[in-house]
Amino acid sequence: MDLGALRDRVAGAYGSGRRRLMGIAFTVSVALLLAIAVQSYAVKPYAIPSGSMAPTLQVGQRVIVDRFSERLGSQPAIGDVLVFTPPLNAVPEEQEGGARLPECATPPVEREPGQPCSREGGQPAEQAYIKRVVAGPGDRLKILGGIPIVNGQPVKGDWETVPCRGALACRFPAEITIPPEHYFMMGDNRPDSEDSRFWGPIPAEWIIGRAVATYWPLNRIGGL
């Protein structure tokens, strides 16, 4: 066989294989970039940090958060589970004698006895919370036995909540009106959740996204 022809064939095969490898590398790179873009823009995993959403969500459980629909202007509905930025006044500060309890807005808002907080703290915190929407803009709200009474009707969906059993944090009989473009959030663990009852409804622009499904642990996979 002509050595020149053999060399040309080997060089051609090497070049073809190199092009294939470069094509595969390019495809993988594009796929990774798309995955990162989708995660940062459309969906985001989130780990449950506390028991405030029990029994629906347990500590350490992981959910998928839909960020895309919020960016398209989709309006949250009562019953949606949202991940959002709470107000600064919601975040406990460690101090002598224990953590500071949440204040209703900053500066504090004057409230009637038994009235839930009606206004947020003005500045967003840095961490994210997860709770359920129980009232939206313009709704009239009071809370009896842990059950939100919205525009005169109790809010009871197809989700489970922890019964209050007489807990003081579950009774707010003095009615408030939710401000425009704000949402009132409550944990499903009604007697043990620090939520809008204590630090007020949140502005729509603080919503990160809607929790749509849980993917870990495997025995709890499903929609929300």
N, C-alpha and C. Protein backbone atom coordinates (compact mmCIF):
# COMPACT_ATOMS: atom_id res chain seq x y z
N MET A 1 0.85 -1.19 0.00
CA MET A 1 0.00 0.00 0.00
C MET A 1 0.89 1.25 0.00
N ASP A 2 0.44 2.24 -0.75
CA ASP A 2 1.18 3.50 -0.80
C ASP A 2 1.17 4.15 0.59
N LEU A 3 2.39 4.44 1.12
CA LEU A 3 2.49 5.01 2.47
C LEU A 3 1.84 6.37 2.55
N GLY A 4 1.91 7.14 1.50
CA GLY A 4 1.28 8.47 1.51
C GLY A 4 -0.23 8.37 1.65
N ALA A 5 -0.83 7.41 0.91
CA ALA A 5 -2.28 7.23 0.98
C ALA A 5 -2.70 6.77 2.38
N LEU A 6 -1.87 5.83 2.96
CA LEU A 6 -2.18 5.34 4.31
C LEU A 6 -2.11 6.47 5.33
N ARG A 7 -1.12 7.33 5.19
CA ARG A 7 -0.98 8.47 6.11
C ARG A 7 -2.18 9.40 6.00
N ASP A 8 -2.62 9.60 4.75
CA ASP A 8 -3.78 10.48 4.55
C ASP A 8 -5.03 9.89 5.19
N ARG A 9 -5.21 8.54 5.07
CA ARG A 9 -6.37 7.89 5.67
C ARG A 9 -6.35 7.99 7.17
N VAL A 10 -5.17 7.76 7.77
CA VAL A 10 -5.05 7.86 9.23
C VAL A 10 -5.33 9.28 9.69
N ALA A 11 -4.78 10.25 8.97
CA ALA A 11 -5.02 11.66 9.33
C ALA A 11 -6.48 12.01 9.20
N GLY A 12 -7.14 11.48 8.17
CA GLY A 12 -8.56 11.77 7.99
C GLY A 12 -9.40 11.16 9.10
N ALA A 13 -9.07 9.90 9.47
CA ALA A 13 -9.81 9.25 10.56
C ALA A 13 -9.60 9.98 11.87
N TYR A 14 -8.35 10.42 12.11
CA TYR A 14 -8.05 11.16 13.35
C TYR A 14 -8.81 12.47 13.38
N GLY A 15 -8.83 13.16 12.24
CA GLY A 15 -9.55 14.43 12.17
C GLY A 15 -11.04 14.25 12.37
N SER A 16 -11.58 13.18 11.80
CA SER A 16 -13.01 12.92 11.94
C SER A 16 -13.36 12.61 13.39
N GLY A 17 -12.52 11.79 14.05
CA GLY A 17 -12.76 11.46 15.45
C GLY A 17 -12.65 12.68 16.34
N ARG A 18 -11.69 13.53 16.03
CA ARG A 18 -11.50 14.76 16.81
C ARG A 18 -12.71 15.67 16.67
N ARG A 19 -13.23 15.76 15.42
CA ARG A 19 -14.43 16.59 15.19
C ARG A 19 -15.62 16.05 15.95
N ARG A 20 -15.76 14.70 15.99
CA ARG A 20 -16.86 14.09 16.74
C ARG A 20 -16.75 14.42 18.23
N LEU A 21 -15.53 14.30 18.78
CA LEU A 21 -15.32 14.61 20.20
C LEU A 21 -15.63 16.07 20.49
N MET A 22 -15.20 16.95 19.57
CA MET A 22 -15.49 18.37 19.75
C MET A 22 -16.99 18.63 19.68
N GLY A 23 -17.68 17.91 18.80
CA GLY A 23 -19.13 18.07 18.69
C GLY A 23 -19.85 17.62 19.96
N ILE A 24 -19.39 16.48 20.52
CA ILE A 24 -19.97 15.98 21.77
C ILE A 24 -19.73 16.97 22.90
N ALA A 25 -18.49 17.47 22.99
CA ALA A 25 -18.16 18.43 24.04
C ALA A 25 -19.00 19.69 23.92
N PHE A 26 -19.20 20.13 22.68
CA PHE A 26 -20.02 21.33 22.46
C PHE A 26 -21.46 21.08 22.89
N THR A 27 -22.00 19.92 22.54
CA THR A 27 -23.38 19.59 22.90
C THR A 27 -23.56 19.52 24.41
N VAL A 28 -22.59 18.88 25.10
CA VAL A 28 -22.66 18.78 26.56
C VAL A 28 -22.57 20.17 27.19
N SER A 29 -21.68 21.01 26.66
CA SER A 29 -21.53 22.37 27.20
C SER A 29 -22.81 23.17 27.06
N VAL A 30 -23.43 23.07 25.89
CA VAL A 30 -24.69 23.79 25.66
C VAL A 30 -25.78 23.27 26.61
N ALA A 31 -25.82 21.95 26.78
CA ALA A 31 -26.83 21.36 27.68
C ALA A 31 -26.64 21.85 29.11
N LEU A 32 -25.37 21.90 29.56
CA LEU A 32 -25.10 22.39 30.92
C LEU A 32 -25.48 23.85 31.07
N LEU A 33 -25.15 24.66 30.08
CA LEU A 33 -25.51 26.08 30.14
C LEU A 33 -27.02 26.27 30.16
N LEU A 34 -27.74 25.47 29.37
CA LEU A 34 -29.20 25.55 29.36
C LEU A 34 -29.76 25.12 30.71
N ALA A 35 -29.19 24.07 31.31
CA ALA A 35 -29.66 23.60 32.61
C ALA A 35 -29.47 24.68 33.67
N ILE A 36 -28.29 25.34 33.63
CA ILE A 36 -28.03 26.42 34.59
C ILE A 36 -28.99 27.58 34.38
N ALA A 37 -29.21 27.92 33.10
CA ALA A 37 -30.12 29.02 32.80
C ALA A 37 -31.54 28.71 33.24
N VAL A 38 -31.98 27.46 32.98
CA VAL A 38 -33.34 27.08 33.38
C VAL A 38 -33.48 27.13 34.90
N GLN A 39 -32.44 26.63 35.61
CA GLN A 39 -32.51 26.62 37.07
C GLN A 39 -32.57 28.04 37.62
N SER A 40 -31.76 28.94 37.05
CA SER A 40 -31.71 30.30 37.58
C SER A 40 -32.93 31.11 37.20
N TYR A 41 -33.59 30.76 36.08
CA TYR A 41 -34.71 31.58 35.62
C TYR A 41 -36.06 30.93 35.86
N ALA A 42 -36.16 29.63 35.57
CA ALA A 42 -37.48 28.99 35.56
C ALA A 42 -37.78 28.18 36.81
N VAL A 43 -36.88 27.28 37.19
CA VAL A 43 -37.16 26.43 38.35
C VAL A 43 -35.96 26.45 39.29
N LYS A 44 -36.24 26.12 40.54
CA LYS A 44 -35.18 26.16 41.55
C LYS A 44 -35.51 25.15 42.64
N PRO A 45 -34.55 24.30 43.04
CA PRO A 45 -34.80 23.41 44.18
C PRO A 45 -34.71 24.19 45.48
N TYR A 46 -35.46 23.74 46.48
CA TYR A 46 -35.48 24.44 47.77
C TYR A 46 -35.67 23.41 48.86
N ALA A 47 -34.85 23.47 49.91
CA ALA A 47 -34.94 22.55 51.04
C ALA A 47 -35.74 23.18 52.17
N ILE A 48 -36.63 22.42 52.78
CA ILE A 48 -37.49 22.92 53.85
C ILE A 48 -36.67 23.07 55.13
N PRO A 49 -36.57 24.30 55.68
CA PRO A 49 -35.68 24.52 56.82
C PRO A 49 -36.30 24.31 58.20
N SER A 50 -37.63 24.28 58.28
CA SER A 50 -38.28 24.21 59.59
C SER A 50 -39.56 23.40 59.49
N GLY A 51 -40.21 23.22 60.65
CA GLY A 51 -41.45 22.45 60.68
C GLY A 51 -42.70 23.29 60.52
N SER A 52 -42.58 24.53 60.06
CA SER A 52 -43.74 25.42 60.00
C SER A 52 -44.77 25.01 58.95
N MET A 53 -44.36 24.15 57.99
CA MET A 53 -45.30 23.71 56.96
C MET A 53 -45.75 22.27 57.16
N ALA A 54 -45.45 21.68 58.33
CA ALA A 54 -45.93 20.33 58.63
C ALA A 54 -47.46 20.37 58.77
N PRO A 55 -48.15 19.30 58.39
CA PRO A 55 -47.63 18.02 57.90
C PRO A 55 -47.39 17.98 56.39
N THR A 56 -47.69 19.06 55.68
CA THR A 56 -47.51 19.06 54.23
C THR A 56 -46.07 18.86 53.84
N LEU A 57 -45.16 19.58 54.50
CA LEU A 57 -43.74 19.50 54.20
C LEU A 57 -42.96 19.34 55.49
N GLN A 58 -42.02 18.40 55.49
CA GLN A 58 -41.23 18.11 56.68
C GLN A 58 -39.84 18.74 56.55
N VAL A 59 -39.16 18.90 57.69
CA VAL A 59 -37.80 19.46 57.69
C VAL A 59 -36.89 18.61 56.80
N GLY A 60 -36.15 19.26 55.91
CA GLY A 60 -35.24 18.56 55.03
C GLY A 60 -35.86 18.10 53.73
N GLN A 61 -37.18 18.11 53.62
CA GLN A 61 -37.83 17.74 52.37
C GLN A 61 -37.47 18.77 51.31
N ARG A 62 -37.43 18.34 50.05
CA ARG A 62 -37.03 19.24 48.98
C ARG A 62 -38.16 19.42 47.97
N VAL A 63 -38.32 20.66 47.54
CA VAL A 63 -39.38 20.98 46.59
C VAL A 63 -38.79 21.68 45.37
N ILE A 64 -39.55 21.64 44.28
CA ILE A 64 -39.20 22.38 43.07
C ILE A 64 -40.04 23.63 43.02
N VAL A 65 -39.39 24.77 42.82
CA VAL A 65 -40.07 26.07 42.83
C VAL A 65 -40.14 26.62 41.41
N ASP A 66 -41.35 26.89 40.95
CA ASP A 66 -41.58 27.48 39.64
C ASP A 66 -41.40 28.99 39.74
N ARG A 67 -40.34 29.50 39.14
CA ARG A 67 -40.08 30.94 39.15
C ARG A 67 -40.57 31.62 37.88
N PHE A 68 -40.82 30.81 36.84
CA PHE A 68 -41.13 31.36 35.53
C PHE A 68 -42.48 32.05 35.49
N SER A 69 -43.51 31.39 36.06
CA SER A 69 -44.86 31.96 35.98
C SER A 69 -44.95 33.28 36.73
N GLU A 70 -44.21 33.40 37.85
CA GLU A 70 -44.22 34.65 38.59
C GLU A 70 -43.62 35.78 37.76
N ARG A 71 -42.58 35.46 36.99
CA ARG A 71 -41.95 36.49 36.18
C ARG A 71 -42.82 36.88 34.99
N LEU A 72 -43.75 36.01 34.62
CA LEU A 72 -44.69 36.36 33.56
C LEU A 72 -45.91 37.10 34.10
N GLY A 73 -45.92 37.35 35.42
CA GLY A 73 -47.01 38.12 36.00
C GLY A 73 -48.18 37.29 36.48
N SER A 74 -48.00 35.97 36.62
CA SER A 74 -49.08 35.13 37.13
C SER A 74 -49.40 35.50 38.57
N GLN A 75 -50.67 35.61 38.89
CA GLN A 75 -51.09 36.02 40.22
C GLN A 75 -51.25 34.80 41.13
N PRO A 76 -50.64 34.80 42.31
CA PRO A 76 -50.83 33.69 43.24
C PRO A 76 -52.29 33.55 43.65
N ALA A 77 -52.70 32.34 43.91
CA ALA A 77 -54.07 32.07 44.34
C ALA A 77 -54.06 31.55 45.77
N ILE A 78 -55.18 31.72 46.46
CA ILE A 78 -55.31 31.16 47.80
C ILE A 78 -55.07 29.65 47.74
N GLY A 79 -54.22 29.16 48.61
CA GLY A 79 -53.85 27.75 48.62
C GLY A 79 -52.48 27.48 48.02
N ASP A 80 -51.96 28.40 47.22
CA ASP A 80 -50.62 28.21 46.65
C ASP A 80 -49.56 28.22 47.76
N VAL A 81 -48.55 27.37 47.60
CA VAL A 81 -47.40 27.38 48.50
C VAL A 81 -46.28 28.18 47.83
N LEU A 82 -45.88 29.27 48.46
CA LEU A 82 -44.91 30.18 47.85
C LEU A 82 -43.59 30.19 48.62
N VAL A 83 -42.52 30.35 47.86
CA VAL A 83 -41.22 30.70 48.44
C VAL A 83 -41.03 32.19 48.21
N PHE A 84 -40.65 32.91 49.25
CA PHE A 84 -40.61 34.37 49.17
C PHE A 84 -39.57 34.92 50.14
N THR A 85 -39.29 36.19 49.99
CA THR A 85 -38.41 36.88 50.91
C THR A 85 -39.25 37.53 52.01
N PRO A 86 -39.01 37.20 53.27
CA PRO A 86 -39.79 37.81 54.35
C PRO A 86 -39.25 39.20 54.68
N PRO A 87 -40.00 39.99 55.44
CA PRO A 87 -39.48 41.29 55.87
C PRO A 87 -38.42 41.11 56.95
N LEU A 88 -37.59 42.13 57.10
CA LEU A 88 -36.53 42.08 58.10
C LEU A 88 -37.08 41.83 59.50
N ASN A 89 -38.25 42.40 59.78
CA ASN A 89 -38.80 42.24 61.13
C ASN A 89 -39.25 40.81 61.42
N ALA A 90 -39.26 39.93 60.39
CA ALA A 90 -39.65 38.54 60.59
C ALA A 90 -38.50 37.68 61.07
N VAL A 91 -37.28 38.15 60.86
CA VAL A 91 -36.10 37.32 61.13
C VAL A 91 -35.65 37.51 62.57
N PRO A 92 -35.66 36.45 63.37
CA PRO A 92 -35.25 36.59 64.78
C PRO A 92 -33.79 37.02 64.90
N GLU A 93 -33.52 37.85 65.87
CA GLU A 93 -32.16 38.26 66.17
C GLU A 93 -31.78 37.68 67.54
N GLU A 94 -30.65 36.99 67.57
CA GLU A 94 -30.20 36.44 68.84
C GLU A 94 -29.78 37.57 69.78
N GLN A 95 -30.27 37.55 70.99
CA GLN A 95 -29.90 38.55 71.97
C GLN A 95 -29.90 37.90 73.35
N GLU A 96 -29.45 38.62 74.34
CA GLU A 96 -29.40 38.07 75.69
C GLU A 96 -30.80 37.67 76.14
N GLY A 97 -30.92 36.45 76.58
CA GLY A 97 -32.23 35.97 77.02
C GLY A 97 -32.98 35.23 75.93
N GLY A 98 -32.39 35.09 74.71
CA GLY A 98 -33.05 34.34 73.65
C GLY A 98 -33.29 35.19 72.42
N ALA A 99 -33.95 34.59 71.42
CA ALA A 99 -34.20 35.27 70.15
C ALA A 99 -35.32 36.30 70.31
N ARG A 100 -35.20 37.37 69.55
CA ARG A 100 -36.24 38.39 69.53
C ARG A 100 -37.46 37.86 68.78
N LEU A 101 -38.63 38.11 69.32
CA LEU A 101 -39.86 37.75 68.63
C LEU A 101 -40.12 38.72 67.49
N PRO A 102 -40.80 38.27 66.41
CA PRO A 102 -41.08 39.17 65.30
C PRO A 102 -41.94 40.36 65.75
N GLU A 103 -41.66 41.51 65.16
CA GLU A 103 -42.47 42.70 65.40
C GLU A 103 -43.36 42.93 64.19
N CYS A 104 -44.52 43.49 64.46
CA CYS A 104 -45.42 43.82 63.36
C CYS A 104 -44.96 45.13 62.73
N ALA A 105 -44.20 45.02 61.64
CA ALA A 105 -43.69 46.15 60.86
C ALA A 105 -42.63 46.92 61.63
N THR A 106 -41.89 47.73 60.90
CA THR A 106 -40.86 48.58 61.47
C THR A 106 -40.99 49.97 60.88
N PRO A 107 -41.36 50.99 61.64
CA PRO A 107 -41.66 50.94 63.08
C PRO A 107 -42.93 50.14 63.34
N PRO A 108 -43.11 49.67 64.59
CA PRO A 108 -44.28 48.83 64.91
C PRO A 108 -45.61 49.53 64.58
N VAL A 109 -46.54 48.72 64.12
CA VAL A 109 -47.88 49.22 63.78
C VAL A 109 -48.79 49.04 64.99
N GLU A 110 -49.58 50.07 65.27
CA GLU A 110 -50.56 49.94 66.36
C GLU A 110 -51.68 49.00 65.90
N ARG A 111 -52.02 48.06 66.79
CA ARG A 111 -53.05 47.08 66.45
C ARG A 111 -54.09 47.01 67.55
N GLU A 112 -55.30 46.68 67.11
CA GLU A 112 -56.35 46.39 68.09
C GLU A 112 -56.02 45.06 68.76
N PRO A 113 -56.56 44.82 69.96
CA PRO A 113 -56.38 43.50 70.59
C PRO A 113 -56.90 42.39 69.67
N GLY A 114 -56.10 41.36 69.48
CA GLY A 114 -56.54 40.25 68.65
C GLY A 114 -56.51 40.52 67.17
N GLN A 115 -55.73 41.49 66.73
CA GLN A 115 -55.67 41.81 65.30
C GLN A 115 -54.36 41.28 64.71
N PRO A 116 -54.43 40.55 63.57
CA PRO A 116 -53.18 40.13 62.93
C PRO A 116 -52.45 41.32 62.35
N CYS A 117 -51.16 41.15 62.11
CA CYS A 117 -50.36 42.24 61.56
C CYS A 117 -50.86 42.58 60.16
N SER A 118 -50.99 43.86 59.87
CA SER A 118 -51.59 44.30 58.61
C SER A 118 -50.59 44.89 57.63
N ARG A 119 -49.32 45.04 58.04
CA ARG A 119 -48.34 45.68 57.15
C ARG A 119 -46.97 45.07 57.39
N GLU A 120 -46.20 44.87 56.29
CA GLU A 120 -44.89 44.26 56.40
C GLU A 120 -43.85 45.25 56.91
N GLY A 121 -42.64 44.74 57.16
CA GLY A 121 -41.61 45.54 57.80
C GLY A 121 -40.89 46.54 56.93
N GLY A 122 -41.22 46.65 55.66
CA GLY A 122 -40.67 47.69 54.81
C GLY A 122 -39.44 47.31 54.03
N GLN A 123 -38.58 46.45 54.58
CA GLN A 123 -37.36 46.02 53.89
C GLN A 123 -37.30 44.50 53.86
N PRO A 124 -36.89 43.92 52.72
CA PRO A 124 -36.79 42.46 52.65
C PRO A 124 -35.54 41.94 53.35
N ALA A 125 -35.65 40.74 53.90
CA ALA A 125 -34.50 40.06 54.48
C ALA A 125 -33.71 39.37 53.37
N GLU A 126 -32.65 38.66 53.75
CA GLU A 126 -31.82 37.99 52.75
C GLU A 126 -32.20 36.52 52.54
N GLN A 127 -32.84 35.89 53.53
CA GLN A 127 -33.18 34.49 53.37
C GLN A 127 -34.57 34.32 52.76
N ALA A 128 -34.91 33.06 52.49
CA ALA A 128 -36.21 32.74 51.89
C ALA A 128 -37.04 31.93 52.87
N TYR A 129 -38.36 32.18 52.86
CA TYR A 129 -39.33 31.42 53.65
C TYR A 129 -40.27 30.70 52.70
N ILE A 130 -40.97 29.70 53.23
CA ILE A 130 -42.00 29.01 52.46
C ILE A 130 -43.26 28.90 53.31
N LYS A 131 -44.39 29.39 52.78
CA LYS A 131 -45.68 29.36 53.48
C LYS A 131 -46.79 29.25 52.43
N ARG A 132 -48.04 29.21 52.93
CA ARG A 132 -49.19 29.09 52.04
C ARG A 132 -49.98 30.40 51.99
N VAL A 133 -50.43 30.76 50.80
CA VAL A 133 -51.28 31.95 50.64
C VAL A 133 -52.66 31.66 51.22
N VAL A 134 -53.13 32.53 52.13
CA VAL A 134 -54.48 32.36 52.66
C VAL A 134 -55.38 33.55 52.35
N ALA A 135 -54.80 34.66 51.88
CA ALA A 135 -55.60 35.83 51.50
C ALA A 135 -54.78 36.69 50.55
N GLY A 136 -55.47 37.40 49.66
CA GLY A 136 -54.80 38.21 48.67
C GLY A 136 -55.22 39.67 48.73
N PRO A 137 -54.80 40.46 47.76
CA PRO A 137 -55.06 41.90 47.77
C PRO A 137 -56.54 42.24 47.92
N GLY A 138 -56.84 43.12 48.87
CA GLY A 138 -58.21 43.58 49.07
C GLY A 138 -59.09 42.66 49.90
N ASP A 139 -58.59 41.46 50.24
CA ASP A 139 -59.40 40.53 51.04
C ASP A 139 -59.51 41.02 52.49
N ARG A 140 -60.67 40.76 53.08
CA ARG A 140 -60.86 41.00 54.51
C ARG A 140 -60.55 39.69 55.24
N LEU A 141 -59.75 39.79 56.30
CA LEU A 141 -59.25 38.58 56.95
C LEU A 141 -59.31 38.68 58.46
N LYS A 142 -59.76 37.59 59.08
CA LYS A 142 -59.56 37.35 60.51
C LYS A 142 -59.26 35.87 60.66
N ILE A 143 -58.79 35.47 61.83
CA ILE A 143 -58.37 34.07 62.03
C ILE A 143 -58.99 33.55 63.30
N LEU A 144 -59.73 32.46 63.18
CA LEU A 144 -60.41 31.86 64.32
C LEU A 144 -60.03 30.38 64.40
N GLY A 145 -59.43 29.99 65.53
CA GLY A 145 -59.03 28.60 65.69
C GLY A 145 -58.01 28.15 64.66
N GLY A 146 -57.20 29.09 64.16
CA GLY A 146 -56.21 28.75 63.15
C GLY A 146 -56.74 28.74 61.74
N ILE A 147 -58.04 28.95 61.58
CA ILE A 147 -58.66 28.93 60.24
C ILE A 147 -58.84 30.36 59.74
N PRO A 148 -58.25 30.71 58.59
CA PRO A 148 -58.47 32.04 58.03
C PRO A 148 -59.93 32.21 57.59
N ILE A 149 -60.53 33.30 58.00
CA ILE A 149 -61.88 33.66 57.55
C ILE A 149 -61.71 34.81 56.57
N VAL A 150 -61.90 34.54 55.28
CA VAL A 150 -61.63 35.51 54.23
C VAL A 150 -62.95 35.96 53.61
N ASN A 151 -63.21 37.25 53.72
CA ASN A 151 -64.46 37.81 53.21
C ASN A 151 -65.68 37.05 53.74
N GLY A 152 -65.55 36.65 55.02
CA GLY A 152 -66.67 35.98 55.70
C GLY A 152 -66.73 34.48 55.52
N GLN A 153 -65.81 33.90 54.72
CA GLN A 153 -65.85 32.46 54.46
C GLN A 153 -64.56 31.79 54.95
N PRO A 154 -64.67 30.64 55.63
CA PRO A 154 -63.46 29.93 56.06
C PRO A 154 -62.67 29.37 54.88
N VAL A 155 -61.36 29.48 54.96
CA VAL A 155 -60.50 28.94 53.91
C VAL A 155 -60.05 27.54 54.33
N LYS A 156 -60.62 26.54 53.69
CA LYS A 156 -60.26 25.15 53.95
C LYS A 156 -60.06 24.47 52.60
N GLY A 157 -58.83 24.10 52.29
CA GLY A 157 -58.55 23.45 51.02
C GLY A 157 -58.34 21.96 51.20
N ASP A 158 -57.74 21.34 50.18
CA ASP A 158 -57.48 19.90 50.24
C ASP A 158 -56.11 19.62 50.83
N TRP A 159 -55.62 20.52 51.66
CA TRP A 159 -54.35 20.31 52.35
C TRP A 159 -54.60 20.11 53.84
N GLU A 160 -53.68 19.43 54.50
CA GLU A 160 -53.80 19.19 55.94
C GLU A 160 -53.13 20.32 56.71
N THR A 161 -53.66 20.61 57.88
CA THR A 161 -53.02 21.55 58.80
C THR A 161 -52.93 20.92 60.18
N VAL A 162 -52.00 21.41 60.98
CA VAL A 162 -51.90 20.96 62.36
C VAL A 162 -52.95 21.70 63.18
N PRO A 163 -53.83 20.99 63.89
CA PRO A 163 -54.87 21.67 64.68
C PRO A 163 -54.28 22.58 65.75
N CYS A 164 -54.98 23.66 66.04
CA CYS A 164 -54.48 24.63 67.01
C CYS A 164 -54.65 24.19 68.45
N ARG A 165 -55.76 23.54 68.75
CA ARG A 165 -56.04 23.05 70.11
C ARG A 165 -55.90 24.17 71.15
N GLY A 166 -56.48 25.32 70.84
CA GLY A 166 -56.55 26.41 71.80
C GLY A 166 -55.33 27.30 71.88
N ALA A 167 -54.34 27.12 70.97
CA ALA A 167 -53.14 27.95 71.01
C ALA A 167 -53.50 29.41 70.78
N LEU A 168 -52.89 30.30 71.57
CA LEU A 168 -53.20 31.73 71.47
C LEU A 168 -52.83 32.30 70.11
N ALA A 169 -51.80 31.73 69.48
CA ALA A 169 -51.36 32.22 68.17
C ALA A 169 -52.36 31.94 67.06
N CYS A 170 -53.45 31.25 67.39
CA CYS A 170 -54.42 30.85 66.37
C CYS A 170 -55.69 31.67 66.40
N ARG A 171 -55.77 32.68 67.24
CA ARG A 171 -57.01 33.46 67.35
C ARG A 171 -56.71 34.94 67.16
N PHE A 172 -57.18 35.46 66.03
CA PHE A 172 -57.06 36.88 65.70
C PHE A 172 -58.42 37.35 65.17
N PRO A 173 -59.36 37.62 66.08
CA PRO A 173 -60.73 37.90 65.65
C PRO A 173 -60.95 39.31 65.08
N ALA A 174 -59.98 40.23 65.26
CA ALA A 174 -60.14 41.59 64.73
C ALA A 174 -59.74 41.60 63.26
N GLU A 175 -60.67 41.98 62.40
CA GLU A 175 -60.47 41.87 60.95
C GLU A 175 -59.52 42.94 60.41
N ILE A 176 -58.73 42.54 59.40
CA ILE A 176 -57.90 43.49 58.66
C ILE A 176 -58.22 43.36 57.18
N THR A 177 -57.76 44.33 56.39
CA THR A 177 -57.87 44.27 54.93
C THR A 177 -56.47 44.19 54.34
N ILE A 178 -56.24 43.21 53.48
CA ILE A 178 -54.93 43.02 52.88
C ILE A 178 -54.65 44.16 51.89
N PRO A 179 -53.49 44.84 52.00
CA PRO A 179 -53.19 45.95 51.09
C PRO A 179 -53.10 45.50 49.63
N PRO A 180 -53.22 46.43 48.69
CA PRO A 180 -53.06 46.09 47.27
C PRO A 180 -51.70 45.45 47.00
N GLU A 181 -51.69 44.45 46.12
CA GLU A 181 -50.47 43.77 45.69
C GLU A 181 -49.72 43.14 46.87
N HIS A 182 -50.44 42.68 47.87
CA HIS A 182 -49.85 41.99 49.01
C HIS A 182 -50.57 40.65 49.22
N TYR A 183 -49.86 39.71 49.87
CA TYR A 183 -50.42 38.39 50.13
C TYR A 183 -50.14 37.99 51.58
N PHE A 184 -51.16 37.43 52.22
CA PHE A 184 -51.06 37.01 53.61
C PHE A 184 -50.67 35.54 53.63
N MET A 185 -49.56 35.23 54.31
CA MET A 185 -48.99 33.89 54.30
C MET A 185 -49.11 33.23 55.67
N MET A 186 -49.45 31.93 55.68
CA MET A 186 -49.50 31.17 56.92
C MET A 186 -48.90 29.79 56.70
N GLY A 187 -48.22 29.27 57.74
CA GLY A 187 -47.74 27.90 57.69
C GLY A 187 -48.86 26.93 57.98
N ASP A 188 -48.75 25.72 57.45
CA ASP A 188 -49.77 24.70 57.72
C ASP A 188 -49.70 24.21 59.17
N ASN A 189 -48.56 24.38 59.80
CA ASN A 189 -48.41 24.05 61.22
C ASN A 189 -48.90 25.26 62.01
N ARG A 190 -50.20 25.42 62.09
CA ARG A 190 -50.81 26.67 62.56
C ARG A 190 -50.37 27.09 63.98
N PRO A 191 -50.23 26.17 64.95
CA PRO A 191 -49.82 26.65 66.27
C PRO A 191 -48.31 26.89 66.40
N ASP A 192 -47.53 26.54 65.39
CA ASP A 192 -46.07 26.66 65.51
C ASP A 192 -45.47 27.17 64.21
N SER A 193 -45.95 28.31 63.75
CA SER A 193 -45.43 28.93 62.53
C SER A 193 -45.39 30.44 62.72
N GLU A 194 -44.22 31.02 62.55
CA GLU A 194 -44.11 32.48 62.55
C GLU A 194 -44.36 32.95 61.13
N ASP A 195 -45.44 33.66 60.93
CA ASP A 195 -45.85 34.01 59.57
C ASP A 195 -46.51 35.38 59.55
N SER A 196 -47.33 35.63 58.54
CA SER A 196 -47.93 36.96 58.38
C SER A 196 -48.79 37.39 59.55
N ARG A 197 -49.24 36.46 60.36
CA ARG A 197 -50.00 36.84 61.55
C ARG A 197 -49.19 37.78 62.43
N PHE A 198 -47.86 37.59 62.42
CA PHE A 198 -46.99 38.34 63.33
C PHE A 198 -46.16 39.41 62.63
N TRP A 199 -45.85 39.22 61.33
CA TRP A 199 -45.02 40.22 60.64
C TRP A 199 -45.63 40.77 59.36
N GLY A 200 -46.87 40.47 59.11
CA GLY A 200 -47.60 41.16 58.05
C GLY A 200 -47.58 40.47 56.69
N PRO A 201 -48.49 40.89 55.80
CA PRO A 201 -48.53 40.36 54.43
C PRO A 201 -47.30 40.82 53.65
N ILE A 202 -46.95 40.06 52.60
CA ILE A 202 -45.74 40.38 51.83
C ILE A 202 -46.11 41.00 50.48
N PRO A 203 -45.28 41.93 49.99
CA PRO A 203 -45.52 42.51 48.66
C PRO A 203 -45.30 41.46 47.56
N ALA A 204 -46.01 41.61 46.46
CA ALA A 204 -45.89 40.66 45.36
C ALA A 204 -44.47 40.57 44.83
N GLU A 205 -43.72 41.70 44.85
CA GLU A 205 -42.37 41.67 44.28
C GLU A 205 -41.38 40.87 45.12
N TRP A 206 -41.77 40.48 46.33
CA TRP A 206 -40.89 39.67 47.17
C TRP A 206 -41.09 38.17 46.93
N ILE A 207 -42.03 37.81 46.09
CA ILE A 207 -42.28 36.39 45.81
C ILE A 207 -41.21 35.85 44.88
N ILE A 208 -40.58 34.75 45.27
CA ILE A 208 -39.55 34.10 44.46
C ILE A 208 -40.19 33.13 43.47
N GLY A 209 -41.17 32.38 43.93
CA GLY A 209 -41.84 31.44 43.05
C GLY A 209 -42.81 30.56 43.81
N ARG A 210 -43.48 29.70 43.06
CA ARG A 210 -44.49 28.81 43.63
C ARG A 210 -43.94 27.39 43.70
N ALA A 211 -44.05 26.77 44.87
CA ALA A 211 -43.63 25.38 45.02
C ALA A 211 -44.65 24.48 44.33
N VAL A 212 -44.19 23.70 43.36
CA VAL A 212 -45.13 22.92 42.54
C VAL A 212 -45.04 21.42 42.77
N ALA A 213 -43.91 20.95 43.30
CA ALA A 213 -43.76 19.50 43.51
C ALA A 213 -42.67 19.26 44.54
N THR A 214 -42.70 18.08 45.13
CA THR A 214 -41.65 17.65 46.03
C THR A 214 -40.97 16.43 45.43
N TYR A 215 -39.62 16.40 45.49
CA TYR A 215 -38.88 15.32 44.85
C TYR A 215 -38.00 14.52 45.80
N TRP A 216 -37.92 14.94 47.07
CA TRP A 216 -37.11 14.20 48.04
C TRP A 216 -37.70 14.41 49.43
N PRO A 217 -37.77 13.34 50.24
CA PRO A 217 -37.36 11.96 49.97
C PRO A 217 -38.26 11.28 48.95
N LEU A 218 -37.79 10.14 48.45
CA LEU A 218 -38.49 9.47 47.35
C LEU A 218 -39.90 9.05 47.74
N ASN A 219 -40.12 8.72 49.01
CA ASN A 219 -41.46 8.26 49.40
C ASN A 219 -42.47 9.39 49.51
N ARG A 220 -42.02 10.64 49.29
CA ARG A 220 -42.95 11.78 49.34
C ARG A 220 -43.01 12.52 48.00
N ILE A 221 -42.54 11.90 46.93
CA ILE A 221 -42.58 12.53 45.62
C ILE A 221 -44.03 12.81 45.23
N GLY A 222 -44.26 13.99 44.70
CA GLY A 222 -45.62 14.32 44.25
C GLY A 222 -45.82 15.81 44.08
N GLY A 223 -46.98 16.19 43.60
CA GLY A 223 -47.30 17.60 43.41
C GLY A 223 -47.77 18.25 44.69
N LEU A 224 -47.80 19.60 44.68
CA LEU A 224 -48.26 20.36 45.82
C LEU A 224 -49.50 21.19 45.42
